PDB file of all heavy atoms in Angstrom:
ATOM      1  N   GLU A   1       2.213-211.728 -49.861  1.00  0.00           N
ATOM      2  CA  GLU A   1       1.762-211.352 -48.546  1.00  0.00           C
ATOM      3  C   GLU A   1       1.636-212.660 -47.571  1.00  0.00           C
ATOM      4  O   GLU A   1       1.931-212.507 -46.442  1.00  0.00           O
ATOM      5  CB  GLU A   1       0.508-210.535 -48.730  1.00  0.00           C
ATOM      6  CG  GLU A   1       0.430-209.379 -47.765  1.00  0.00           C
ATOM      7  CD  GLU A   1      -0.798-208.450 -48.116  1.00  0.00           C
ATOM      8  OE1 GLU A   1      -0.773-207.953 -49.244  1.00  0.00           O
ATOM      9  OE2 GLU A   1      -1.567-208.338 -47.142  1.00  0.00           O
ATOM     10  N   GLY A   2       1.173-213.645 -48.241  1.00  0.00           N
ATOM     11  CA  GLY A   2       0.940-214.814 -47.440  1.00  0.00           C
ATOM     12  C   GLY A   2       2.222-215.526 -46.822  1.00  0.00           C
ATOM     13  O   GLY A   2       2.164-216.374 -45.939  1.00  0.00           O
ATOM     14  N   ARG A   3       3.301-215.168 -47.379  1.00  0.00           N
ATOM     15  CA  ARG A   3       4.567-215.844 -46.928  1.00  0.00           C
ATOM     16  C   ARG A   3       5.297-214.952 -45.965  1.00  0.00           C
ATOM     17  O   ARG A   3       6.396-215.393 -45.428  1.00  0.00           O
ATOM     18  CB  ARG A   3       5.472-216.097 -48.185  1.00  0.00           C
ATOM     19  CG  ARG A   3       4.813-216.974 -49.234  1.00  0.00           C
ATOM     20  CD  ARG A   3       5.691-217.288 -50.283  1.00  0.00           C
ATOM     21  NE  ARG A   3       6.558-218.360 -49.803  1.00  0.00           N
ATOM     22  CZ  ARG A   3       7.613-218.808 -50.547  1.00  0.00           C
ATOM     23  NH1 ARG A   3       7.954-218.263 -51.692  1.00  0.00           N
ATOM     24  NH2 ARG A   3       8.378-219.676 -49.947  1.00  0.00           N
ATOM     25  N   VAL A   4       4.785-213.827 -45.589  1.00  0.00           N
ATOM     26  CA  VAL A   4       5.596-212.825 -44.638  1.00  0.00           C
ATOM     27  C   VAL A   4       5.884-213.423 -43.349  1.00  0.00           C
ATOM     28  O   VAL A   4       6.886-213.319 -42.850  1.00  0.00           O
ATOM     29  CB  VAL A   4       4.809-211.513 -44.584  1.00  0.00           C
ATOM     30  CG1 VAL A   4       5.404-210.555 -43.530  1.00  0.00           C
ATOM     31  CG2 VAL A   4       4.758-210.802 -45.923  1.00  0.00           C
ATOM     32  N   ASN A   5       4.809-213.994 -42.734  1.00  0.00           N
ATOM     33  CA  ASN A   5       5.077-214.501 -41.362  1.00  0.00           C
ATOM     34  C   ASN A   5       6.150-215.579 -41.320  1.00  0.00           C
ATOM     35  O   ASN A   5       6.951-215.664 -40.412  1.00  0.00           O
ATOM     36  CB  ASN A   5       3.680-215.041 -40.663  1.00  0.00           C
ATOM     37  CG  ASN A   5       2.833-213.934 -40.405  1.00  0.00           C
ATOM     38  OD1 ASN A   5       3.268-212.716 -40.162  1.00  0.00           O
ATOM     39  ND2 ASN A   5       1.554-214.171 -40.357  1.00  0.00           N
ATOM     40  N   GLY A   6       6.069-216.520 -42.289  1.00  0.00           N
ATOM     41  CA  GLY A   6       7.124-217.581 -42.416  1.00  0.00           C
ATOM     42  C   GLY A   6       8.508-216.948 -42.644  1.00  0.00           C
ATOM     43  O   GLY A   6       9.483-217.428 -41.853  1.00  0.00           O
ATOM     44  N   CYS A   7       8.567-215.969 -43.429  1.00  0.00           N
ATOM     45  CA  CYS A   7       9.787-215.267 -43.739  1.00  0.00           C
ATOM     46  C   CYS A   7      10.419-214.752 -42.431  1.00  0.00           C
ATOM     47  O   CYS A   7      11.533-214.848 -42.061  1.00  0.00           O
ATOM     48  CB  CYS A   7       9.721-214.389 -44.790  1.00  0.00           C
ATOM     49  SG  CYS A   7      11.195-213.331 -45.144  1.00  0.00           S
ATOM     50  N   VAL A   8       9.539-213.945 -41.766  1.00  0.00           N
ATOM     51  CA  VAL A   8       9.974-213.219 -40.616  1.00  0.00           C
ATOM     52  C   VAL A   8      10.459-214.223 -39.438  1.00  0.00           C
ATOM     53  O   VAL A   8      11.453-214.093 -38.846  1.00  0.00           O
ATOM     54  CB  VAL A   8       8.856-212.273 -40.058  1.00  0.00           C
ATOM     55  CG1 VAL A   8       9.131-211.764 -38.575  1.00  0.00           C
ATOM     56  CG2 VAL A   8       8.751-211.073 -40.976  1.00  0.00           C
ATOM     57  N   GLU A   9       9.694-215.289 -39.332  1.00  0.00           N
ATOM     58  CA  GLU A   9      10.033-216.278 -38.321  1.00  0.00           C
ATOM     59  C   GLU A   9      11.319-216.960 -38.650  1.00  0.00           C
ATOM     60  O   GLU A   9      12.135-217.176 -37.680  1.00  0.00           O
ATOM     61  CB  GLU A   9       8.923-217.319 -38.189  1.00  0.00           C
ATOM     62  CG  GLU A   9       7.569-216.798 -37.534  1.00  0.00           C
ATOM     63  CD  GLU A   9       6.491-217.755 -37.752  1.00  0.00           C
ATOM     64  OE1 GLU A   9       6.609-218.940 -38.125  1.00  0.00           O
ATOM     65  OE2 GLU A   9       5.313-217.315 -37.311  1.00  0.00           O
ATOM     66  N   ALA A  10      11.558-217.267 -39.880  1.00  0.00           N
ATOM     67  CA  ALA A  10      12.874-217.823 -40.201  1.00  0.00           C
ATOM     68  C   ALA A  10      14.008-216.886 -40.052  1.00  0.00           C
ATOM     69  O   ALA A  10      15.118-217.325 -39.510  1.00  0.00           O
ATOM     70  CB  ALA A  10      12.704-218.249 -41.803  1.00  0.00           C
ATOM     71  N   ILE A  11      13.850-215.675 -40.344  1.00  0.00           N
ATOM     72  CA  ILE A  11      14.969-214.667 -40.049  1.00  0.00           C
ATOM     73  C   ILE A  11      15.254-214.638 -38.617  1.00  0.00           C
ATOM     74  O   ILE A  11      16.433-214.621 -38.135  1.00  0.00           O
ATOM     75  CB  ILE A  11      14.567-213.374 -40.751  1.00  0.00           C
ATOM     76  CG1 ILE A  11      14.564-213.387 -42.250  1.00  0.00           C
ATOM     77  CG2 ILE A  11      15.618-212.276 -40.264  1.00  0.00           C
ATOM     78  CD1 ILE A  11      14.003-212.227 -42.970  1.00  0.00           C
ATOM     79  N   VAL A  12      14.190-214.466 -37.863  1.00  0.00           N
ATOM     80  CA  VAL A  12      14.463-214.356 -36.442  1.00  0.00           C
ATOM     81  C   VAL A  12      15.094-215.478 -35.813  1.00  0.00           C
ATOM     82  O   VAL A  12      15.996-215.420 -35.063  1.00  0.00           O
ATOM     83  CB  VAL A  12      13.004-214.056 -35.653  1.00  0.00           C
ATOM     84  CG1 VAL A  12      13.118-214.326 -34.169  1.00  0.00           C
ATOM     85  CG2 VAL A  12      12.419-212.683 -35.942  1.00  0.00           C
ATOM     86  N   ALA A  13      14.629-216.696 -36.162  1.00  0.00           N
ATOM     87  CA  ALA A  13      15.282-217.871 -35.709  1.00  0.00           C
ATOM     88  C   ALA A  13      16.767-218.025 -36.057  1.00  0.00           C
ATOM     89  O   ALA A  13      17.544-218.397 -35.284  1.00  0.00           O
ATOM     90  CB  ALA A  13      14.531-219.179 -36.164  1.00  0.00           C
ATOM     91  N   ALA A  14      17.135-217.702 -37.291  1.00  0.00           N
ATOM     92  CA  ALA A  14      18.430-217.823 -37.743  1.00  0.00           C
ATOM     93  C   ALA A  14      19.359-216.720 -37.294  1.00  0.00           C
ATOM     94  O   ALA A  14      20.563-216.956 -37.137  1.00  0.00           O
ATOM     95  CB  ALA A  14      18.447-217.887 -39.311  1.00  0.00           C
ATOM     96  N   ALA A  15      18.795-215.417 -37.056  1.00  0.00           N
ATOM     97  CA  ALA A  15      19.694-214.347 -36.731  1.00  0.00           C
ATOM     98  C   ALA A  15      19.807-214.087 -35.288  1.00  0.00           C
ATOM     99  O   ALA A  15      20.677-213.340 -34.790  1.00  0.00           O
ATOM    100  CB  ALA A  15      19.126-213.123 -37.363  1.00  0.00           C
ATOM    101  N   HIS A  16      19.011-214.727 -34.428  1.00  0.00           N
ATOM    102  CA  HIS A  16      18.965-214.575 -32.980  1.00  0.00           C
ATOM    103  C   HIS A  16      20.194-215.063 -32.302  1.00  0.00           C
ATOM    104  O   HIS A  16      20.651-216.225 -32.499  1.00  0.00           O
ATOM    105  CB  HIS A  16      17.718-215.285 -32.343  1.00  0.00           C
ATOM    106  CG  HIS A  16      17.568-215.114 -30.859  1.00  0.00           C
ATOM    107  ND1 HIS A  16      18.111-216.046 -30.067  1.00  0.00           N
ATOM    108  CD2 HIS A  16      17.007-214.116 -30.218  1.00  0.00           C
ATOM    109  CE1 HIS A  16      17.767-215.534 -28.834  1.00  0.00           C
ATOM    110  NE2 HIS A  16      17.176-214.493 -28.923  1.00  0.00           N
ATOM    111  N   THR A  17      20.741-214.243 -31.524  1.00  0.00           N
ATOM    112  CA  THR A  17      21.924-214.575 -30.585  1.00  0.00           C
ATOM    113  C   THR A  17      21.563-214.357 -29.075  1.00  0.00           C
ATOM    114  O   THR A  17      22.292-214.897 -28.267  1.00  0.00           O
ATOM    115  CB  THR A  17      23.255-213.849 -30.937  1.00  0.00           C
ATOM    116  OG1 THR A  17      23.024-212.469 -30.553  1.00  0.00           O
ATOM    117  CG2 THR A  17      23.562-214.002 -32.375  1.00  0.00           C
ATOM    118  N   GLY A  18      20.560-213.597 -28.864  1.00  0.00           N
ATOM    119  CA  GLY A  18      20.187-213.317 -27.522  1.00  0.00           C
ATOM    120  C   GLY A  18      20.989-212.084 -26.926  1.00  0.00           C
ATOM    121  O   GLY A  18      20.794-211.761 -25.922  1.00  0.00           O
ATOM    122  N   LYS A  19      21.796-211.452 -27.751  1.00  0.00           N
ATOM    123  CA  LYS A  19      22.673-210.457 -27.365  1.00  0.00           C
ATOM    124  C   LYS A  19      22.216-209.066 -27.928  1.00  0.00           C
ATOM    125  O   LYS A  19      21.647-209.075 -29.044  1.00  0.00           O
ATOM    126  CB  LYS A  19      24.139-210.683 -27.589  1.00  0.00           C
ATOM    127  CG  LYS A  19      24.567-211.798 -26.955  1.00  0.00           C
ATOM    128  CD  LYS A  19      26.074-212.036 -27.037  1.00  0.00           C
ATOM    129  CE  LYS A  19      26.614-213.136 -26.155  1.00  0.00           C
ATOM    130  NZ  LYS A  19      27.479-214.145 -26.777  1.00  0.00           N
ATOM    131  N   ILE A  20      22.613-207.983 -27.305  1.00  0.00           N
ATOM    132  CA  ILE A  20      22.159-206.740 -27.865  1.00  0.00           C
ATOM    133  C   ILE A  20      22.814-206.506 -29.347  1.00  0.00           C
ATOM    134  O   ILE A  20      23.854-206.984 -29.610  1.00  0.00           O
ATOM    135  CB  ILE A  20      22.612-205.553 -26.888  1.00  0.00           C
ATOM    136  CG1 ILE A  20      21.995-204.234 -27.385  1.00  0.00           C
ATOM    137  CG2 ILE A  20      24.164-205.407 -26.842  1.00  0.00           C
ATOM    138  CD1 ILE A  20      22.100-203.164 -26.215  1.00  0.00           C
ATOM    139  N   GLY A  21      22.154-205.898 -30.311  1.00  0.00           N
ATOM    140  CA  GLY A  21      22.499-205.665 -31.555  1.00  0.00           C
ATOM    141  C   GLY A  21      22.248-206.820 -32.478  1.00  0.00           C
ATOM    142  O   GLY A  21      22.782-206.913 -33.623  1.00  0.00           O
ATOM    143  N   ASP A  22      21.260-207.688 -32.155  1.00  0.00           N
ATOM    144  CA  ASP A  22      20.845-208.723 -33.059  1.00  0.00           C
ATOM    145  C   ASP A  22      20.126-208.215 -34.304  1.00  0.00           C
ATOM    146  O   ASP A  22      20.193-208.854 -35.452  1.00  0.00           O
ATOM    147  CB  ASP A  22      19.804-209.646 -32.428  1.00  0.00           C
ATOM    148  CG  ASP A  22      20.557-210.860 -31.700  1.00  0.00           C
ATOM    149  OD1 ASP A  22      21.815-211.029 -31.728  1.00  0.00           O
ATOM    150  OD2 ASP A  22      19.804-211.600 -31.063  1.00  0.00           O
ATOM    151  N   GLY A  23      19.506-207.009 -34.262  1.00  0.00           N
ATOM    152  CA  GLY A  23      19.026-206.343 -35.506  1.00  0.00           C
ATOM    153  C   GLY A  23      17.470-206.147 -35.390  1.00  0.00           C
ATOM    154  O   GLY A  23      16.824-206.298 -34.281  1.00  0.00           O
ATOM    155  N   LYS A  24      16.962-205.758 -36.493  1.00  0.00           N
ATOM    156  CA  LYS A  24      15.558-205.469 -36.661  1.00  0.00           C
ATOM    157  C   LYS A  24      15.152-206.016 -37.987  1.00  0.00           C
ATOM    158  O   LYS A  24      15.863-206.266 -38.963  1.00  0.00           O
ATOM    159  CB  LYS A  24      15.307-203.918 -36.532  1.00  0.00           C
ATOM    160  CG  LYS A  24      15.667-203.359 -35.288  1.00  0.00           C
ATOM    161  CD  LYS A  24      14.556-202.297 -34.859  1.00  0.00           C
ATOM    162  CE  LYS A  24      14.646-201.750 -33.572  1.00  0.00           C
ATOM    163  NZ  LYS A  24      15.717-201.725 -32.852  1.00  0.00           N
ATOM    164  N   ILE A  25      13.670-206.103 -38.102  1.00  0.00           N
ATOM    165  CA  ILE A  25      12.964-206.472 -39.417  1.00  0.00           C
ATOM    166  C   ILE A  25      11.928-205.504 -39.586  1.00  0.00           C
ATOM    167  O   ILE A  25      11.205-205.128 -38.736  1.00  0.00           O
ATOM    168  CB  ILE A  25      12.479-207.980 -39.202  1.00  0.00           C
ATOM    169  CG1 ILE A  25      13.551-208.972 -39.051  1.00  0.00           C
ATOM    170  CG2 ILE A  25      11.637-208.236 -40.476  1.00  0.00           C
ATOM    171  CD1 ILE A  25      13.040-210.367 -38.704  1.00  0.00           C
ATOM    172  N   PHE A  26      11.895-205.021 -40.814  1.00  0.00           N
ATOM    173  CA  PHE A  26      10.801-204.100 -41.376  1.00  0.00           C
ATOM    174  C   PHE A  26      10.079-204.692 -42.450  1.00  0.00           C
ATOM    175  O   PHE A  26      10.630-205.263 -43.307  1.00  0.00           O
ATOM    176  CB  PHE A  26      11.437-202.776 -41.678  1.00  0.00           C
ATOM    177  CG  PHE A  26      12.457-202.158 -40.775  1.00  0.00           C
ATOM    178  CD1 PHE A  26      13.773-202.338 -40.828  1.00  0.00           C
ATOM    179  CD2 PHE A  26      11.963-201.343 -39.733  1.00  0.00           C
ATOM    180  CE1 PHE A  26      14.638-201.832 -39.963  1.00  0.00           C
ATOM    181  CE2 PHE A  26      12.845-200.762 -38.771  1.00  0.00           C
ATOM    182  CZ  PHE A  26      14.195-201.035 -38.821  1.00  0.00           C
ATOM    183  N   VAL A  27       8.726-204.614 -42.365  1.00  0.00           N
ATOM    184  CA  VAL A  27       7.837-205.138 -43.523  1.00  0.00           C
ATOM    185  C   VAL A  27       7.118-203.987 -43.951  1.00  0.00           C
ATOM    186  O   VAL A  27       6.418-203.204 -43.256  1.00  0.00           O
ATOM    187  CB  VAL A  27       6.987-206.271 -42.954  1.00  0.00           C
ATOM    188  CG1 VAL A  27       6.025-206.799 -44.052  1.00  0.00           C
ATOM    189  CG2 VAL A  27       7.637-207.385 -42.289  1.00  0.00           C
ATOM    190  N   THR A  28       7.194-203.790 -45.337  1.00  0.00           N
ATOM    191  CA  THR A  28       6.526-202.700 -45.974  1.00  0.00           C
ATOM    192  C   THR A  28       5.816-203.169 -47.184  1.00  0.00           C
ATOM    193  O   THR A  28       6.127-204.313 -47.731  1.00  0.00           O
ATOM    194  CB  THR A  28       7.480-201.524 -46.465  1.00  0.00           C
ATOM    195  OG1 THR A  28       8.580-202.136 -47.242  1.00  0.00           O
ATOM    196  CG2 THR A  28       8.196-200.851 -45.179  1.00  0.00           C
ATOM    197  N   SER A  29       4.895-202.453 -47.624  1.00  0.00           N
ATOM    198  CA  SER A  29       4.154-202.795 -48.859  1.00  0.00           C
ATOM    199  C   SER A  29       4.858-202.419 -50.073  1.00  0.00           C
ATOM    200  O   SER A  29       5.554-201.385 -50.143  1.00  0.00           O
ATOM    201  CB  SER A  29       2.769-202.120 -48.922  1.00  0.00           C
ATOM    202  OG  SER A  29       1.955-202.541 -47.884  1.00  0.00           O
ATOM    203  N   VAL A  30       4.788-203.236 -51.270  1.00  0.00           N
ATOM    204  CA  VAL A  30       5.422-202.941 -52.481  1.00  0.00           C
ATOM    205  C   VAL A  30       4.188-202.716 -53.428  1.00  0.00           C
ATOM    206  O   VAL A  30       3.367-203.571 -53.607  1.00  0.00           O
ATOM    207  CB  VAL A  30       6.211-204.050 -52.911  1.00  0.00           C
ATOM    208  CG1 VAL A  30       6.762-203.954 -54.225  1.00  0.00           C
ATOM    209  CG2 VAL A  30       7.422-204.294 -51.927  1.00  0.00           C
ATOM    210  N   GLU A  31       4.277-201.540 -54.117  1.00  0.00           N
ATOM    211  CA  GLU A  31       3.128-201.312 -55.099  1.00  0.00           C
ATOM    212  C   GLU A  31       3.381-201.916 -56.438  1.00  0.00           C
ATOM    213  O   GLU A  31       2.443-202.302 -57.109  1.00  0.00           O
ATOM    214  CB  GLU A  31       3.036-199.818 -55.154  1.00  0.00           C
ATOM    215  CG  GLU A  31       2.540-199.077 -53.946  1.00  0.00           C
ATOM    216  CD  GLU A  31       2.344-197.576 -54.102  1.00  0.00           C
ATOM    217  OE1 GLU A  31       2.164-197.113 -55.157  1.00  0.00           O
ATOM    218  OE2 GLU A  31       2.456-196.908 -53.001  1.00  0.00           O
ATOM    219  N   LYS A  32       4.609-201.874 -56.823  1.00  0.00           N
ATOM    220  CA  LYS A  32       4.876-202.423 -58.226  1.00  0.00           C
ATOM    221  C   LYS A  32       6.175-203.029 -58.381  1.00  0.00           C
ATOM    222  O   LYS A  32       7.142-202.596 -57.786  1.00  0.00           O
ATOM    223  CB  LYS A  32       4.785-201.185 -59.257  1.00  0.00           C
ATOM    224  CG  LYS A  32       4.901-201.627 -60.661  1.00  0.00           C
ATOM    225  CD  LYS A  32       4.562-200.488 -61.544  1.00  0.00           C
ATOM    226  CE  LYS A  32       3.968-200.813 -62.823  1.00  0.00           C
ATOM    227  NZ  LYS A  32       2.646-201.465 -62.880  1.00  0.00           N
ATOM    228  N   VAL A  33       6.298-204.066 -59.180  1.00  0.00           N
ATOM    229  CA  VAL A  33       7.539-204.922 -59.466  1.00  0.00           C
ATOM    230  C   VAL A  33       7.574-205.026 -61.015  1.00  0.00           C
ATOM    231  O   VAL A  33       6.632-205.410 -61.547  1.00  0.00           O
ATOM    232  CB  VAL A  33       7.539-206.223 -58.667  1.00  0.00           C
ATOM    233  CG1 VAL A  33       8.918-206.963 -59.121  1.00  0.00           C
ATOM    234  CG2 VAL A  33       7.553-206.058 -57.205  1.00  0.00           C
ATOM    235  N   VAL A  34       8.721-204.748 -61.563  1.00  0.00           N
ATOM    236  CA  VAL A  34       8.946-204.837 -62.973  1.00  0.00           C
ATOM    237  C   VAL A  34      10.244-205.702 -63.124  1.00  0.00           C
ATOM    238  O   VAL A  34      11.334-205.280 -62.687  1.00  0.00           O
ATOM    239  CB  VAL A  34       9.053-203.528 -63.735  1.00  0.00           C
ATOM    240  CG1 VAL A  34       9.376-203.807 -65.238  1.00  0.00           C
ATOM    241  CG2 VAL A  34       7.803-202.937 -63.534  1.00  0.00           C
ATOM    242  N   ARG A  35      10.247-206.807 -63.933  1.00  0.00           N
ATOM    243  CA  ARG A  35      11.391-207.631 -64.239  1.00  0.00           C
ATOM    244  C   ARG A  35      12.002-206.986 -65.433  1.00  0.00           C
ATOM    245  O   ARG A  35      11.211-206.851 -66.542  1.00  0.00           O
ATOM    246  CB  ARG A  35      11.079-209.041 -64.583  1.00  0.00           C
ATOM    247  CG  ARG A  35      12.394-209.833 -64.751  1.00  0.00           C
ATOM    248  CD  ARG A  35      12.146-211.260 -65.042  1.00  0.00           C
ATOM    249  NE  ARG A  35      11.227-211.873 -64.067  1.00  0.00           N
ATOM    250  CZ  ARG A  35      11.588-212.688 -63.027  1.00  0.00           C
ATOM    251  NH1 ARG A  35      12.929-212.780 -62.783  1.00  0.00           N
ATOM    252  NH2 ARG A  35      10.651-213.243 -62.228  1.00  0.00           N
TER     253      ARG A  35
END
């Protein structure tokens, strides 16, 4: 959870073109992870 803002900022900075269709970012909770 603590890394979400940095992750979102990095994606926005790298994916931004300023033109329509640049995309969207969704952040959701994950209840369980199993390797």
